[in-house]
Structures are given as C-alpha cells and as structure tokens.
Amino acid sequence: MDKIKVCIVDDNRELVATLEQFISNQPDMEVVATAYNGQDCLEVLNDTEVDVCLLDIIMPHIDGLNV
C-alpha cells in the first residue's frame, strides 16, 4: 500500500517541524513537501504530487484561503 503523501504549509516554522516529525513517525504517511507561505505552496503543488495539504489560513504573500 502506498503511503499518503503530505504537504505542510505554515509560516510558523516550529509548527511545520513539529508536524513533519509527527507525520514522519506514522507508518502510512510521508511528508513530501513543506512551505512557509502561500506563494511557495503553489510552487510546491505545481512540482510535487501530494494527497493531503495541511494548510494554514493566515500566511504572508497569499493566504491559505486563496491557495
């Protein structure tokens, strides 16, 4: 069975690191990308296949709702 590919996007780098560590410890999930603002998220999503994107709502450049 393939692992669930997760992208984490938040301007709080500590939260991204915590979520990345937690998800990496799950046997059926893997973090394939991280980003720290909405603009970087859009670039990541264009280049990387993901199943789930954990996305903050309030971020610099482009907010989570506009992503």
C-alpha atoms as a PDB file:
ATOM      1  CA  MET A   1       0.000   0.000   0.000  1.00  0.00           C
ATOM      2  CA  ASP A   2       1.330   3.443  -0.918  1.00  0.00           C
ATOM      3  CA  LYS A   3       1.948   5.977   1.799  1.00  0.00           C
ATOM      4  CA  ILE A   4      -0.200   9.097   1.999  1.00  0.00           C
ATOM      5  CA  LYS A   5       1.859  11.995   0.614  1.00  0.00           C
ATOM      6  CA  VAL A   6       1.527  15.084   2.810  1.00  0.00           C
ATOM      7  CA  CYS A   7       2.459  18.716   2.231  1.00  0.00           C
ATOM      8  CA  ILE A   8       2.707  21.019   5.271  1.00  0.00           C
ATOM      9  CA  VAL A   9       2.299  24.778   4.817  1.00  0.00           C
ATOM     10  CA  ASP A  10       2.530  27.301   7.649  1.00  0.00           C
ATOM     11  CA  ASP A  11       4.521  30.461   8.319  1.00  0.00           C
ATOM     12  CA  ASN A  12       5.328  29.131  11.813  1.00  0.00           C
ATOM     13  CA  ARG A  13       8.493  27.097  11.171  1.00  0.00           C
ATOM     14  CA  GLU A  14       8.371  25.422  14.593  1.00  0.00           C
ATOM     15  CA  LEU A  15       4.874  24.123  13.893  1.00  0.00           C
ATOM     16  CA  VAL A  16       5.951  22.835  10.478  1.00  0.00           C
ATOM     17  CA  ALA A  17       8.868  20.985  12.097  1.00  0.00           C
ATOM     18  CA  THR A  18       6.620  19.501  14.795  1.00  0.00           C
ATOM     19  CA  LEU A  19       4.014  18.329  12.286  1.00  0.00           C
ATOM     20  CA  GLU A  20       6.720  16.968   9.990  1.00  0.00           C
ATOM     21  CA  GLN A  21       8.212  14.930  12.826  1.00  0.00           C
ATOM     22  CA  PHE A  22       4.800  13.621  13.914  1.00  0.00           C
ATOM     23  CA  ILE A  23       3.716  12.653  10.396  1.00  0.00           C
ATOM     24  CA  SER A  24       7.077  11.062   9.604  1.00  0.00           C
ATOM     25  CA  ASN A  25       6.534   8.700  12.545  1.00  0.00           C
ATOM     26  CA  GLN A  26       3.269   7.420  11.054  1.00  0.00           C
ATOM     27  CA  PRO A  27       3.790   4.180   9.111  1.00  0.00           C
ATOM     28  CA  ASP A  28       1.273   5.037   6.392  1.00  0.00           C
ATOM     29  CA  MET A  29       2.245   8.698   5.801  1.00  0.00           C
ATOM     30  CA  GLU A  30       5.210  10.652   4.473  1.00  0.00           C
ATOM     31  CA  VAL A  31       5.957  14.358   4.225  1.00  0.00           C
ATOM     32  CA  VAL A  32       6.873  15.089   0.611  1.00  0.00           C
ATOM     33  CA  ALA A  33       6.971  18.897   0.810  1.00  0.00           C
ATOM     34  CA  THR A  34       6.895  21.864   3.152  1.00  0.00           C
ATOM     35  CA  ALA A  35       6.393  25.570   2.531  1.00  0.00           C
ATOM     36  CA  TYR A  36       6.227  28.678   4.693  1.00  0.00           C
ATOM     37  CA  ASN A  37       3.869  30.924   2.703  1.00  0.00           C
ATOM     38  CA  GLY A  38       1.089  30.659   0.135  1.00  0.00           C
ATOM     39  CA  GLN A  39       3.246  31.573  -2.860  1.00  0.00           C
ATOM     40  CA  ASP A  40       5.783  28.844  -2.085  1.00  0.00           C
ATOM     41  CA  CYS A  41       2.909  26.413  -1.539  1.00  0.00           C
ATOM     42  CA  LEU A  42       1.578  26.999  -5.045  1.00  0.00           C
ATOM     43  CA  GLU A  43       5.043  26.375  -6.495  1.00  0.00           C
ATOM     44  CA  VAL A  44       5.404  23.174  -4.456  1.00  0.00           C
ATOM     45  CA  LEU A  45       1.989  21.914  -5.557  1.00  0.00           C
ATOM     46  CA  ASN A  46       2.899  22.507  -9.209  1.00  0.00           C
ATOM     47  CA  ASP A  47       6.048  20.404  -8.841  1.00  0.00           C
ATOM     48  CA  THR A  48       5.072  17.731  -6.318  1.00  0.00           C
ATOM     49  CA  GLU A  49       2.287  15.171  -6.214  1.00  0.00           C
ATOM     50  CA  VAL A  50       0.528  15.275  -2.835  1.00  0.00           C
ATOM     51  CA  ASP A  51      -2.536  13.557  -1.404  1.00  0.00           C
ATOM     52  CA  VAL A  52      -3.100  15.901   1.552  1.00  0.00           C
ATOM     53  CA  CYS A  53      -2.082  19.509   2.135  1.00  0.00           C
ATOM     54  CA  LEU A  54      -2.142  20.800   5.722  1.00  0.00           C
ATOM     55  CA  LEU A  55      -2.554  24.499   5.131  1.00  0.00           C
ATOM     56  CA  ASP A  56      -2.558  27.489   7.488  1.00  0.00           C
ATOM     57  CA  ILE A  57      -5.187  30.124   6.741  1.00  0.00           C
ATOM     58  CA  ILE A  58      -3.288  33.313   7.638  1.00  0.00           C
ATOM     59  CA  MET A  59       0.100  33.489   5.882  1.00  0.00           C
ATOM     60  CA  PRO A  60       2.253  36.064   4.098  1.00  0.00           C
ATOM     61  CA  HIS A  61       2.018  36.730   0.335  1.00  0.00           C
ATOM     62  CA  ILE A  62      -1.026  34.541  -0.381  1.00  0.00           C
ATOM     63  CA  ASP A  63      -3.257  33.308   2.443  1.00  0.00           C
ATOM     64  CA  GLY A  64      -4.476  29.750   2.783  1.00  0.00           C
ATOM     65  CA  LEU A  65      -7.961  30.542   1.513  1.00  0.00           C
ATOM     66  CA  ASN A  66      -6.602  31.923  -1.758  1.00  0.00           C
ATOM     67  CA  VAL A  67      -4.248  28.994  -2.252  1.00  0.00           C
END
